[in-house]
Amino acid sequence: MNINNTPNYHDKQNIDNINKMRDVLETLPKFCKQFFRGIADTTSARTRLAYAYDIRLFFEFLHEKNSYCARMEIRDYPLSLLDRLSREDIEEYAEYLSYYQKDGRIYTNDERGKKRKLASLRSFYNYYFKEELIEKNPAQLVSLPKLHDKEIVRLDADEVSVLLDQVEDGTGLTKTQQRFHNVTKVRDMALLTLLLGTGIRVSECVGLDLGDVDFRNNGIRIRRKGGYEAVVYFGDEVAEALQAYLEERHHTIPQSGHEEALFLSMQNRRISVRAVENLVKKYSSTVTTLKKITPHKLRSTYGTSLYHETGDIYLVADVLGHKDVNTTRKHYAAIEDDRRRSAANKVTLREKYDSRPKQQ
């Protein structure tokens, strides 16, 4: 919490997640509270909420598919239930995740979705097993799905130029979109230039306050995943776009509670993650030569460009906020392969010469 006791954006997000977590806990077996108290010091409220949703889905599956569990309400499930379940029960749950219906809607999970939900269940079982509150740990016996590498979509330099040109002049937008564009284009240019020029996450971008921008050192203070703060530096193009936007921003009257927000919506409230996703989609969809892009692909574009320029995977990891450099290496493995290929002709073993006799 900041010094004047006024919750900032990140504080509000944290409070919102805590309140959602309390609501979810009321739908889970009572013994689950011990697990979430046990991991409170090592996880964020957002992570615990994601765990809670995943674990609730597991118990809903049991209530629907397991004859023993169907006899009682989920809230009344005892801790001893975990010892009654077998490896086969977990495997059936994994199969269930591929396709299920809930509240009239159909849900599917690809290998990544299944892996995350099974990993949540593993953490849940591991906690009680290590605390010696259960005797079996069947979740540990079920292999997690193998992930296939996804192609990392990035924009080429000319595609970045076309996208920014589109933001600047608005050609290709509908008449309705052009009316809004006249009002928001300076903000949109600053926002997209910042994403492309720093590689920050969209959640980090929308959380920026006016006081987080430092033109003296060309840096922004952001809150990374996990809650820690970091300073990311930007170049002259980003500085110019931000300064142009701030000239407009200082003449805007924000709604109460949004006075410190850097980027404002049309309603003069802090812009949302969804709104940024929509504006990226809007501009990119009007340029047929562009790949289908999202804010995260703008982040990948920055990481690719930085690695091309520096060849320093550790610098890229640090700037992007990856805790594990292997995460960065995985994302940019294709680039490393290109660099290795380029080394093939860098070293000359013998100078080439023309063996043909010279003509007189």
Protein backbone atom coordinates (compact mmCIF):
# COMPACT_ATOMS: atom_id res chain seq x y z
CA MET A 1 0.00 0.00 0.00
CA ASN A 2 1.37 3.43 -0.78
CA ILE A 3 2.21 6.05 1.83
CA ASN A 4 -0.98 8.13 1.61
CA ASN A 5 -3.04 4.96 2.17
CA THR A 6 -4.82 5.39 -1.18
CA PRO A 7 -4.80 2.03 -2.98
CA ASN A 8 -3.06 2.19 -6.35
CA TYR A 9 -4.01 0.08 -9.37
CA HIS A 10 -1.96 -2.91 -8.22
CA ASP A 11 -3.35 -2.71 -4.68
CA LYS A 12 -6.88 -2.65 -6.07
CA GLN A 13 -6.19 -5.64 -8.29
CA ASN A 14 -4.78 -7.52 -5.31
CA ILE A 15 -7.80 -6.66 -3.13
CA ASP A 16 -10.15 -7.73 -5.93
CA ASN A 17 -8.35 -11.09 -6.24
CA ILE A 18 -8.48 -11.62 -2.47
CA ASN A 19 -12.24 -10.99 -2.43
CA LYS A 20 -12.79 -13.35 -5.36
CA MET A 21 -10.66 -15.92 -3.57
CA ARG A 22 -12.85 -15.72 -0.47
CA ASP A 23 -15.94 -16.30 -2.62
CA VAL A 24 -14.40 -19.36 -4.29
CA LEU A 25 -13.32 -20.80 -0.94
CA GLU A 26 -16.98 -20.86 0.11
CA THR A 27 -17.62 -23.35 -2.69
CA LEU A 28 -14.69 -25.66 -1.85
CA PRO A 29 -14.33 -28.36 0.82
CA LYS A 30 -13.60 -26.76 4.19
CA PHE A 31 -10.17 -28.41 4.48
CA CYS A 32 -8.95 -26.46 1.42
CA LYS A 33 -8.49 -23.32 3.49
CA GLN A 34 -5.42 -24.88 5.11
CA PHE A 35 -3.77 -25.33 1.70
CA PHE A 36 -4.30 -21.72 0.68
CA ARG A 37 -3.06 -20.44 4.05
CA GLY A 38 -0.02 -22.68 3.64
CA ILE A 39 1.00 -21.21 0.28
CA ALA A 40 0.08 -17.59 1.07
CA ASP A 41 3.67 -16.50 1.75
CA THR A 42 5.08 -17.96 -1.48
CA THR A 43 2.38 -17.09 -4.02
CA SER A 44 0.51 -14.00 -5.19
CA ALA A 45 -3.23 -13.54 -4.67
CA ARG A 46 -3.66 -13.91 -8.44
CA THR A 47 -1.85 -17.27 -8.45
CA ARG A 48 -3.88 -18.56 -5.50
CA LEU A 49 -7.09 -17.55 -7.23
CA ALA A 50 -6.05 -19.48 -10.36
CA TYR A 51 -5.30 -22.52 -8.17
CA ALA A 52 -8.71 -22.18 -6.52
CA TYR A 53 -10.56 -22.17 -9.84
CA ASP A 54 -8.61 -25.22 -11.02
CA ILE A 55 -9.17 -27.16 -7.80
CA ARG A 56 -12.85 -26.29 -7.76
CA LEU A 57 -13.16 -27.76 -11.25
CA PHE A 58 -11.56 -30.99 -9.98
CA PHE A 59 -14.11 -31.31 -7.17
CA GLU A 60 -16.97 -30.49 -9.54
CA PHE A 61 -15.75 -33.32 -11.77
CA LEU A 62 -15.75 -35.70 -8.80
CA HIS A 63 -19.24 -34.62 -7.78
CA GLU A 64 -20.50 -35.28 -11.29
CA LYS A 65 -18.62 -38.47 -12.18
CA ASN A 66 -17.72 -40.23 -8.93
CA SER A 67 -20.55 -42.20 -7.28
CA TYR A 68 -19.07 -41.83 -3.78
CA CYS A 69 -18.60 -38.08 -4.12
CA ALA A 70 -22.04 -37.57 -5.61
CA ARG A 71 -23.60 -38.58 -2.27
CA MET A 72 -22.53 -35.39 -0.47
CA GLU A 73 -22.09 -31.71 -1.11
CA ILE A 74 -18.67 -30.53 -2.21
CA ARG A 75 -18.37 -28.33 0.89
CA ASP A 76 -18.71 -31.45 3.06
CA TYR A 77 -15.95 -33.49 1.41
CA PRO A 78 -13.50 -34.67 4.10
CA LEU A 79 -9.72 -34.53 3.75
CA SER A 80 -9.73 -38.34 3.81
CA LEU A 81 -11.32 -38.21 0.35
CA LEU A 82 -7.89 -37.47 -1.13
CA ASP A 83 -6.64 -40.85 0.12
CA ARG A 84 -9.66 -42.64 -1.38
CA LEU A 85 -8.83 -41.43 -4.87
CA SER A 86 -6.52 -43.38 -7.14
CA ARG A 87 -4.29 -42.72 -10.07
CA GLU A 88 -7.15 -43.81 -12.32
CA ASP A 89 -9.38 -41.07 -10.89
CA ILE A 90 -6.76 -38.43 -11.78
CA GLU A 91 -6.34 -39.89 -15.27
CA GLU A 92 -10.11 -39.79 -15.80
CA TYR A 93 -10.05 -36.13 -14.72
CA ALA A 94 -7.30 -35.42 -17.25
CA GLU A 95 -9.43 -36.99 -19.96
CA TYR A 96 -12.48 -35.01 -18.77
CA LEU A 97 -10.55 -31.74 -19.18
CA SER A 98 -10.39 -32.26 -22.94
CA TYR A 99 -14.13 -31.59 -23.24
CA TYR A 100 -16.83 -30.88 -20.67
CA GLN A 101 -20.01 -28.87 -20.21
CA LYS A 102 -20.76 -26.50 -17.38
CA ASP A 103 -23.74 -24.19 -16.91
CA GLY A 104 -24.85 -24.82 -20.46
CA ARG A 105 -21.46 -23.94 -21.97
CA ILE A 106 -18.93 -26.22 -23.63
CA TYR A 107 -15.31 -26.04 -22.47
CA THR A 108 -12.19 -27.55 -23.99
CA ASN A 109 -8.55 -27.55 -22.92
CA ASP A 110 -5.51 -27.91 -25.13
CA GLU A 111 -2.31 -29.49 -23.81
CA ARG A 112 -1.30 -26.25 -22.08
CA GLY A 113 -4.63 -25.86 -20.32
CA LYS A 114 -4.59 -29.47 -19.18
CA LYS A 115 -1.01 -29.20 -17.96
CA ARG A 116 -1.76 -26.11 -15.88
CA LYS A 117 -4.83 -27.65 -14.24
CA LEU A 118 -3.02 -30.91 -13.47
CA ALA A 119 -0.06 -28.94 -12.10
CA SER A 120 -2.45 -27.11 -9.76
CA LEU A 121 -3.80 -30.44 -8.57
CA ARG A 122 -0.26 -31.73 -8.03
CA SER A 123 0.57 -28.72 -5.85
CA PHE A 124 -2.62 -29.31 -3.90
CA TYR A 125 -1.83 -32.98 -3.25
CA ASN A 126 1.87 -32.29 -2.59
CA TYR A 127 1.01 -29.86 0.20
CA TYR A 128 -1.09 -32.34 2.19
CA PHE A 129 1.32 -35.19 1.47
CA LYS A 130 4.34 -33.24 2.74
CA GLU A 131 2.37 -32.16 5.80
CA GLU A 132 1.75 -35.92 6.40
CA LEU A 133 -2.00 -35.35 6.40
CA ILE A 134 -2.58 -37.92 3.63
CA GLU A 135 -0.80 -41.19 2.87
CA LYS A 136 -1.07 -41.32 -0.93
CA ASN A 137 -0.19 -38.89 -3.69
CA PRO A 138 -1.79 -40.22 -6.90
CA ALA A 139 -1.55 -36.85 -8.65
CA GLN A 140 2.23 -37.24 -8.71
CA LEU A 141 1.87 -40.54 -10.59
CA VAL A 142 0.05 -39.00 -13.55
CA SER A 143 2.34 -37.56 -16.21
CA LEU A 144 1.72 -34.02 -17.34
CA PRO A 145 0.94 -33.54 -21.05
CA LYS A 146 3.94 -32.95 -23.26
CA LEU A 147 3.83 -29.49 -24.74
CA HIS A 148 4.57 -28.98 -28.41
CA ASP A 149 6.40 -25.82 -29.25
CA LYS A 150 4.16 -23.09 -30.61
CA GLU A 151 5.36 -20.86 -33.38
CA ILE A 152 6.30 -17.49 -31.94
CA VAL A 153 4.59 -14.82 -34.05
CA ARG A 154 6.58 -11.62 -34.37
CA LEU A 155 6.35 -8.57 -36.57
CA ASP A 156 9.07 -7.76 -39.07
CA ALA A 157 10.48 -4.23 -39.13
CA ASP A 158 8.37 -3.23 -42.13
CA GLU A 159 5.24 -4.61 -40.47
CA VAL A 160 5.92 -2.52 -37.36
CA SER A 161 6.17 0.56 -39.58
CA VAL A 162 2.91 -0.24 -41.35
CA LEU A 163 1.13 -0.78 -38.02
CA LEU A 164 2.33 2.53 -36.58
CA ASP A 165 1.46 4.33 -39.82
CA GLN A 166 -2.03 2.87 -39.48
CA VAL A 167 -2.33 4.19 -35.93
CA GLU A 168 -1.13 7.61 -37.06
CA ASP A 169 -3.38 8.16 -40.09
CA GLY A 170 -6.30 5.78 -39.45
CA THR A 171 -6.75 4.76 -43.06
CA GLY A 172 -8.84 1.63 -43.41
CA LEU A 173 -10.96 2.33 -40.34
CA THR A 174 -14.72 2.58 -40.61
CA LYS A 175 -16.35 6.03 -40.40
CA THR A 176 -17.39 5.32 -36.82
CA GLN A 177 -13.89 4.14 -35.91
CA GLN A 178 -12.37 7.22 -37.55
CA ARG A 179 -14.46 9.52 -35.35
CA PHE A 180 -13.05 7.80 -32.26
CA HIS A 181 -9.61 7.69 -33.87
CA ASN A 182 -9.48 11.47 -34.07
CA VAL A 183 -9.88 11.56 -30.30
CA THR A 184 -7.61 8.66 -29.33
CA LYS A 185 -4.85 8.47 -31.96
CA VAL A 186 -2.25 10.32 -29.87
CA ARG A 187 -2.94 8.05 -26.91
CA ASP A 188 -2.96 4.95 -29.11
CA MET A 189 0.33 5.92 -30.74
CA ALA A 190 1.94 6.43 -27.31
CA LEU A 191 0.55 3.15 -26.00
CA LEU A 192 1.58 0.98 -28.96
CA THR A 193 4.96 2.68 -29.29
CA LEU A 194 5.58 2.00 -25.61
CA LEU A 195 4.65 -1.69 -25.97
CA LEU A 196 6.79 -2.10 -29.08
CA GLY A 197 9.68 -0.09 -27.66
CA THR A 198 9.97 -1.70 -24.23
CA GLY A 199 8.42 -5.18 -24.43
CA ILE A 200 6.41 -4.67 -21.25
CA ARG A 201 3.32 -6.80 -20.63
CA VAL A 202 -0.07 -5.25 -21.31
CA SER A 203 -0.96 -5.69 -17.62
CA GLU A 204 2.18 -3.74 -16.70
CA CYS A 205 1.25 -1.05 -19.21
CA VAL A 206 -2.28 -0.43 -17.97
CA GLY A 207 -1.00 -0.28 -14.39
CA LEU A 208 1.30 2.67 -15.12
CA ASP A 209 0.71 5.91 -13.23
CA LEU A 210 1.80 9.41 -14.24
CA GLY A 211 4.48 9.34 -11.57
CA ASP A 212 5.98 6.15 -13.02
CA VAL A 213 7.34 7.95 -16.09
CA ASP A 214 10.79 9.53 -15.76
CA PHE A 215 11.87 11.55 -18.81
CA ARG A 216 15.05 12.59 -17.09
CA ASN A 217 16.36 9.04 -17.38
CA ASN A 218 13.90 7.83 -20.04
CA GLY A 219 12.57 5.10 -17.76
CA ILE A 220 9.27 3.73 -16.48
CA ARG A 221 8.67 2.05 -13.14
CA ILE A 222 6.51 -1.05 -13.55
CA ARG A 223 5.15 -3.78 -11.31
CA ARG A 224 6.25 -7.18 -12.60
CA LYS A 225 4.48 -10.52 -12.23
CA GLY A 226 5.12 -11.59 -8.65
CA GLY A 227 4.69 -8.04 -7.35
CA TYR A 228 8.25 -6.70 -7.51
CA GLU A 229 9.06 -3.33 -9.07
CA ALA A 230 11.50 -2.77 -11.91
CA VAL A 231 12.63 0.13 -14.08
CA VAL A 232 12.53 -0.34 -17.84
CA TYR A 233 14.22 2.18 -20.10
CA PHE A 234 12.94 3.51 -23.41
CA GLY A 235 14.38 5.26 -26.45
CA ASP A 236 13.72 8.60 -28.09
CA GLU A 237 10.81 7.38 -30.25
CA VAL A 238 8.94 6.22 -27.16
CA ALA A 239 9.80 9.45 -25.32
CA GLU A 240 8.41 11.60 -28.14
CA ALA A 241 5.18 9.59 -28.34
CA LEU A 242 4.69 9.72 -24.55
CA GLN A 243 5.36 13.46 -24.37
CA ALA A 244 2.87 14.15 -27.17
CA TYR A 245 0.25 12.12 -25.32
CA LEU A 246 0.97 13.75 -21.95
CA GLU A 247 0.33 17.18 -23.45
CA GLU A 248 -3.21 15.98 -24.13
CA ARG A 249 -3.45 13.97 -20.92
CA HIS A 250 -2.82 17.05 -18.74
CA HIS A 251 -5.91 18.72 -20.21
CA THR A 252 -8.13 15.74 -19.39
CA ILE A 253 -10.19 15.51 -16.21
CA PRO A 254 -10.12 11.86 -15.04
CA GLN A 255 -12.95 10.27 -13.14
CA SER A 256 -12.58 10.04 -9.39
CA GLY A 257 -10.12 7.33 -8.40
CA HIS A 258 -8.36 7.41 -11.77
CA GLU A 259 -6.44 10.67 -11.39
CA GLU A 260 -3.01 9.01 -11.36
CA ALA A 261 -3.57 6.61 -14.28
CA LEU A 262 -1.24 7.24 -17.21
CA PHE A 263 -3.46 5.85 -19.97
CA LEU A 264 -7.14 6.76 -19.83
CA SER A 265 -10.11 5.28 -21.67
CA MET A 266 -12.73 7.25 -23.58
CA GLN A 267 -14.65 7.37 -20.29
CA ASN A 268 -11.61 8.98 -18.59
CA ARG A 269 -11.02 5.89 -16.47
CA ARG A 270 -7.83 3.84 -16.34
CA ILE A 271 -7.71 1.87 -19.58
CA SER A 272 -8.27 -1.88 -19.19
CA VAL A 273 -6.33 -4.86 -20.50
CA ARG A 274 -9.31 -5.80 -22.67
CA ALA A 275 -9.44 -2.29 -24.18
CA VAL A 276 -5.76 -2.48 -25.15
CA GLU A 277 -6.30 -5.91 -26.69
CA ASN A 278 -9.21 -4.52 -28.69
CA LEU A 279 -7.34 -1.50 -29.99
CA VAL A 280 -4.41 -3.67 -31.12
CA LYS A 281 -6.90 -5.93 -32.89
CA LYS A 282 -8.64 -2.93 -34.47
CA TYR A 283 -5.51 -1.45 -36.02
CA SER A 284 -3.93 -4.73 -37.09
CA SER A 285 -7.13 -6.03 -38.71
CA THR A 286 -7.18 -3.13 -41.18
CA VAL A 287 -3.72 -3.95 -42.50
CA THR A 288 -3.98 -7.16 -44.52
CA THR A 289 -0.21 -7.69 -44.71
CA LEU A 290 0.05 -8.00 -40.94
CA LYS A 291 -0.11 -11.24 -39.06
CA LYS A 292 -2.90 -11.67 -36.53
CA ILE A 293 -1.36 -9.90 -33.57
CA THR A 294 -2.02 -9.36 -29.88
CA PRO A 295 -0.26 -7.20 -27.29
CA HIS A 296 1.83 -10.24 -26.34
CA LYS A 297 3.07 -10.53 -29.92
CA LEU A 298 4.26 -6.92 -29.69
CA ARG A 299 6.28 -8.05 -26.67
CA SER A 300 7.72 -10.94 -28.68
CA THR A 301 8.60 -8.50 -31.46
CA TYR A 302 10.58 -6.34 -29.04
CA GLY A 303 12.37 -9.35 -27.56
CA THR A 304 13.32 -10.56 -31.03
CA SER A 305 14.65 -7.17 -32.08
CA LEU A 306 16.64 -6.76 -28.88
CA TYR A 307 18.21 -10.20 -29.26
CA HIS A 308 19.06 -9.56 -32.92
CA GLU A 309 20.80 -6.32 -31.94
CA THR A 310 22.66 -7.54 -28.86
CA GLY A 311 22.93 -11.34 -29.08
CA ASP A 312 22.67 -11.28 -25.26
CA ILE A 313 19.99 -13.72 -24.10
CA TYR A 314 20.55 -12.75 -20.46
CA LEU A 315 19.89 -9.08 -21.24
CA VAL A 316 16.69 -10.01 -23.07
CA ALA A 317 15.57 -12.14 -20.11
CA ASP A 318 16.27 -9.29 -17.69
CA VAL A 319 14.49 -6.62 -19.73
CA LEU A 320 11.44 -8.82 -20.36
CA GLY A 321 11.25 -9.80 -16.69
CA HIS A 322 11.75 -13.54 -17.16
CA LYS A 323 12.88 -15.07 -13.88
CA ASP A 324 14.37 -18.05 -15.68
CA VAL A 325 16.61 -17.44 -18.70
CA ASN A 326 15.51 -20.82 -20.05
CA THR A 327 12.05 -19.32 -20.58
CA THR A 328 13.67 -16.68 -22.77
CA ARG A 329 15.85 -19.20 -24.52
CA LYS A 330 12.80 -21.34 -25.33
CA HIS A 331 11.01 -18.37 -26.89
CA TYR A 332 13.98 -17.26 -28.94
CA ALA A 333 15.50 -20.65 -29.79
CA ALA A 334 14.76 -20.18 -33.48
CA ILE A 335 16.77 -16.98 -33.50
CA GLU A 336 19.68 -18.69 -31.78
CA ASP A 337 19.57 -21.37 -34.47
CA ASP A 338 19.74 -18.65 -37.14
CA ARG A 339 22.77 -17.18 -35.41
CA ARG A 340 24.45 -20.59 -35.28
CA ARG A 341 23.78 -21.08 -38.98
CA SER A 342 25.27 -17.70 -39.76
CA ALA A 343 28.49 -18.83 -38.07
CA ALA A 344 29.02 -21.47 -40.76
CA ASN A 345 30.71 -19.08 -43.20
CA LYS A 346 32.23 -16.65 -40.72
CA VAL A 347 35.57 -18.48 -40.46
CA THR A 348 37.62 -18.92 -43.63
CA LEU A 349 40.01 -21.85 -43.65
CA ARG A 350 41.70 -21.03 -46.94
CA GLU A 351 41.49 -17.96 -49.10
CA LYS A 352 39.65 -18.64 -52.33
CA TYR A 353 41.68 -18.14 -55.46
CA ASP A 354 41.13 -18.51 -59.17
CA SER A 355 43.21 -21.46 -60.48
CA ARG A 356 42.51 -20.62 -64.09
CA PRO A 357 45.47 -19.19 -66.05
CA LYS A 358 45.33 -15.50 -66.53
CA GLN A 359 44.73 -14.33 -70.07
CA GLN A 360 47.47 -12.33 -71.72
